[in-house]
Amino acid sequence: MNRIGKLFALALLVAVAAHLATVLAAPYVLMNAAMKRISKDGTKINQWIHAPPTTEQSRRVVRPSPDIAYSACVYDLAAGPIHVTAAPWGDYLSVSVFGQNSDNIYVVDDRQSPQGMDLLIVRKGAPHPPGAAVVVESPSRRGIVLQRRLAPTQERWDAADAARRHDICGPLKG
């Protein structure tokens, strides 16, 4: 192989390696940035953060819906399982759990669980504490829980805001 061929092979190898590194690292880098922003630089971990109503200036979520009341919780399983609840809503409600690599590892909505949501997030392979109807095994120690409630009017927004203030995203008690 001549010198140009060797340089071309080396450039191709570097390009493939850079591409693979980017594809593998991007989900973690982006999710860590989102967790940092949502948790207010790590000061609000294992607790719901309730977003204000969405306006045309809102861009925290890609193309956010003005009809949805969003809440997010950055979870950290370092001290053990995290208890997550969402009170029944009577309209569209969903809870999604994302791992640290941005994979959606669990989702439930009001049609599947009209009585509301009550789940535990545990580290994959960890023992399941008694008492939880739903246990979500997270492949990572950290991640995000996202809650969405349909709230198309000010009256429904106020009701959604009141309902979500009683929801839990925190360490398992007892």
Protein backbone atom coordinates (compact mmCIF):
# COMPACT_ATOMS: atom_id res chain seq x y z
CA MET A 1 0.00 0.00 0.00
CA ASN A 2 1.45 3.36 -0.98
CA ARG A 3 1.66 6.41 1.25
CA ILE A 4 -1.61 7.97 -0.03
CA GLY A 5 -3.44 4.70 0.51
CA LYS A 6 -2.13 4.50 4.08
CA LEU A 7 -3.16 8.11 4.78
CA PHE A 8 -6.61 7.44 3.35
CA ALA A 9 -6.98 4.30 5.50
CA LEU A 10 -5.86 6.23 8.58
CA ALA A 11 -8.29 9.09 7.83
CA LEU A 12 -11.10 6.58 7.33
CA LEU A 13 -10.25 4.84 10.61
CA VAL A 14 -10.22 8.18 12.48
CA ALA A 15 -13.54 9.18 10.91
CA VAL A 16 -15.18 5.88 11.86
CA ALA A 17 -13.82 6.09 15.41
CA ALA A 18 -14.99 9.71 15.79
CA HIS A 19 -18.43 8.81 14.44
CA LEU A 20 -18.81 5.85 16.82
CA ALA A 21 -17.62 7.91 19.78
CA THR A 22 -20.14 10.63 18.95
CA VAL A 23 -23.04 8.21 18.47
CA LEU A 24 -22.25 6.41 21.72
CA ALA A 25 -21.55 9.53 23.82
CA ALA A 26 -24.25 11.89 22.53
CA PRO A 27 -27.19 10.42 24.47
CA TYR A 28 -25.27 10.61 27.75
CA VAL A 29 -23.95 14.13 27.11
CA LEU A 30 -27.40 15.43 26.14
CA MET A 31 -29.16 13.69 29.03
CA ASN A 32 -26.59 14.94 31.55
CA ALA A 33 -27.14 18.49 30.27
CA ALA A 34 -30.92 18.04 30.60
CA MET A 35 -30.58 16.61 34.13
CA LYS A 36 -28.33 19.49 35.15
CA ARG A 37 -30.80 22.06 33.81
CA ILE A 38 -33.93 20.39 35.23
CA SER A 39 -32.34 19.78 38.65
CA LYS A 40 -31.09 23.37 38.85
CA ASP A 41 -27.43 22.30 38.76
CA GLY A 42 -28.05 19.28 40.99
CA THR A 43 -29.80 21.14 43.83
CA LYS A 44 -33.23 19.62 43.10
CA ILE A 45 -32.76 15.85 42.93
CA ASN A 46 -35.50 13.29 43.71
CA GLN A 47 -38.28 15.87 43.70
CA TRP A 48 -40.82 17.10 41.18
CA ILE A 49 -40.03 20.34 39.38
CA HIS A 50 -43.27 21.81 38.02
CA ALA A 51 -42.93 23.84 34.84
CA PRO A 52 -44.97 27.01 34.40
CA PRO A 53 -47.50 27.25 31.57
CA THR A 54 -45.93 26.95 28.13
CA THR A 55 -45.79 30.09 26.00
CA GLU A 56 -44.46 30.83 22.53
CA GLN A 57 -41.08 31.60 24.18
CA SER A 58 -40.88 28.21 25.93
CA ARG A 59 -38.14 25.99 24.60
CA ARG A 60 -37.15 23.79 27.56
CA VAL A 61 -38.91 20.93 25.79
CA VAL A 62 -38.70 20.57 22.04
CA ARG A 63 -41.96 21.92 20.63
CA PRO A 64 -43.76 22.01 24.00
CA SER A 65 -47.53 21.86 23.96
CA PRO A 66 -49.39 24.79 25.51
CA ASP A 67 -52.14 22.33 26.54
CA ILE A 68 -49.89 20.24 28.78
CA ALA A 69 -48.80 20.78 32.39
CA TYR A 70 -45.28 19.35 32.54
CA SER A 71 -43.46 18.14 35.64
CA ALA A 72 -40.02 16.54 35.72
CA CYS A 73 -37.95 14.79 38.36
CA VAL A 74 -34.26 14.01 38.10
CA TYR A 75 -33.83 10.81 40.07
CA ASP A 76 -30.73 9.39 41.70
CA LEU A 77 -30.86 5.85 43.07
CA ALA A 78 -27.60 6.15 45.05
CA ALA A 79 -29.46 6.04 48.38
CA GLY A 80 -32.03 3.46 47.26
CA PRO A 81 -35.38 3.22 45.45
CA ILE A 82 -37.38 6.25 44.37
CA HIS A 83 -41.14 6.38 44.95
CA VAL A 84 -43.13 8.08 42.17
CA THR A 85 -46.83 8.92 42.29
CA ALA A 86 -49.23 10.83 40.07
CA ALA A 87 -52.78 11.43 41.31
CA PRO A 88 -55.66 10.40 39.04
CA TRP A 89 -56.52 13.09 36.55
CA GLY A 90 -59.66 12.12 34.64
CA ASP A 91 -58.06 13.20 31.37
CA TYR A 92 -54.78 12.54 29.60
CA LEU A 93 -51.98 11.85 32.10
CA SER A 94 -48.72 10.07 31.45
CA VAL A 95 -45.57 9.27 33.38
CA SER A 96 -42.39 8.32 31.51
CA VAL A 97 -39.10 7.16 33.01
CA PHE A 98 -35.85 7.72 31.13
CA GLY A 99 -32.44 6.22 31.87
CA GLN A 100 -29.21 8.20 31.86
CA ASN A 101 -28.62 7.36 28.19
CA SER A 102 -32.04 8.89 27.25
CA ASP A 103 -33.73 5.52 26.67
CA ASN A 104 -37.40 5.52 27.63
CA ILE A 105 -37.46 2.59 30.06
CA TYR A 106 -41.09 2.85 31.21
CA VAL A 107 -44.27 4.70 30.29
CA VAL A 108 -47.80 4.53 31.62
CA ASP A 109 -50.84 6.66 30.86
CA ASP A 110 -54.31 7.26 32.25
CA ARG A 111 -55.87 4.55 30.05
CA GLN A 112 -53.58 1.92 31.52
CA SER A 113 -53.83 3.30 35.04
CA PRO A 114 -56.98 5.44 35.53
CA GLN A 115 -56.52 5.25 39.31
CA GLY A 116 -53.27 7.23 39.04
CA MET A 117 -49.69 6.06 39.10
CA ASP A 118 -47.74 4.56 41.99
CA LEU A 119 -44.38 3.05 41.17
CA LEU A 120 -40.92 2.41 42.50
CA ILE A 121 -37.75 2.95 40.52
CA VAL A 122 -34.94 0.61 41.53
CA ARG A 123 -31.53 -0.11 40.10
CA LYS A 124 -31.60 -3.04 37.70
CA GLY A 125 -30.88 -6.22 39.62
CA ALA A 126 -31.56 -4.65 43.03
CA PRO A 127 -34.13 -6.30 45.32
CA HIS A 128 -37.71 -5.11 44.87
CA PRO A 129 -39.06 -3.55 48.08
CA PRO A 130 -42.45 -4.88 49.17
CA GLY A 131 -45.64 -2.89 48.72
CA ALA A 132 -45.27 -1.48 45.22
CA ALA A 133 -47.64 -2.57 42.51
CA VAL A 134 -45.24 -1.45 39.79
CA VAL A 135 -41.45 -1.66 39.98
CA VAL A 136 -39.35 -0.07 37.22
CA GLU A 137 -35.80 -1.32 36.93
CA SER A 138 -33.46 1.44 35.81
CA PRO A 139 -30.29 0.39 33.98
CA SER A 140 -28.61 3.53 35.32
CA ARG A 141 -28.30 5.17 38.71
CA ARG A 142 -29.65 8.46 37.40
CA GLY A 143 -32.35 9.53 34.97
CA ILE A 144 -35.47 11.64 34.50
CA VAL A 145 -39.16 11.06 35.20
CA LEU A 146 -41.48 13.17 33.07
CA GLN A 147 -45.15 13.72 33.90
CA ARG A 148 -47.67 15.26 31.49
CA ARG A 149 -51.27 16.30 32.28
CA LEU A 150 -53.68 17.66 29.69
CA ALA A 151 -54.69 21.17 30.78
CA PRO A 152 -56.09 23.13 27.80
CA THR A 153 -57.85 25.88 29.78
CA GLN A 154 -56.82 28.08 32.70
CA GLU A 155 -59.29 26.24 34.92
CA ARG A 156 -57.81 22.84 33.96
CA TRP A 157 -54.28 24.25 34.33
CA ASP A 158 -55.08 25.38 37.88
CA ALA A 159 -56.55 21.96 38.68
CA ALA A 160 -53.52 20.17 37.17
CA ASP A 161 -51.15 22.38 39.11
CA ALA A 162 -53.02 21.65 42.35
CA ALA A 163 -53.08 17.89 41.66
CA ARG A 164 -49.41 17.59 40.82
CA ARG A 165 -48.36 19.44 43.99
CA HIS A 166 -49.39 16.33 45.95
CA ASP A 167 -47.45 13.90 43.74
CA ILE A 168 -44.28 12.26 44.98
CA CYS A 169 -40.90 11.72 43.37
CA GLY A 170 -38.54 10.94 46.20
CA PRO A 171 -36.83 8.36 48.38
CA LEU A 172 -38.93 5.42 49.51
CA LYS A 173 -40.09 6.03 53.08
CA GLY A 174 -40.52 3.35 55.68
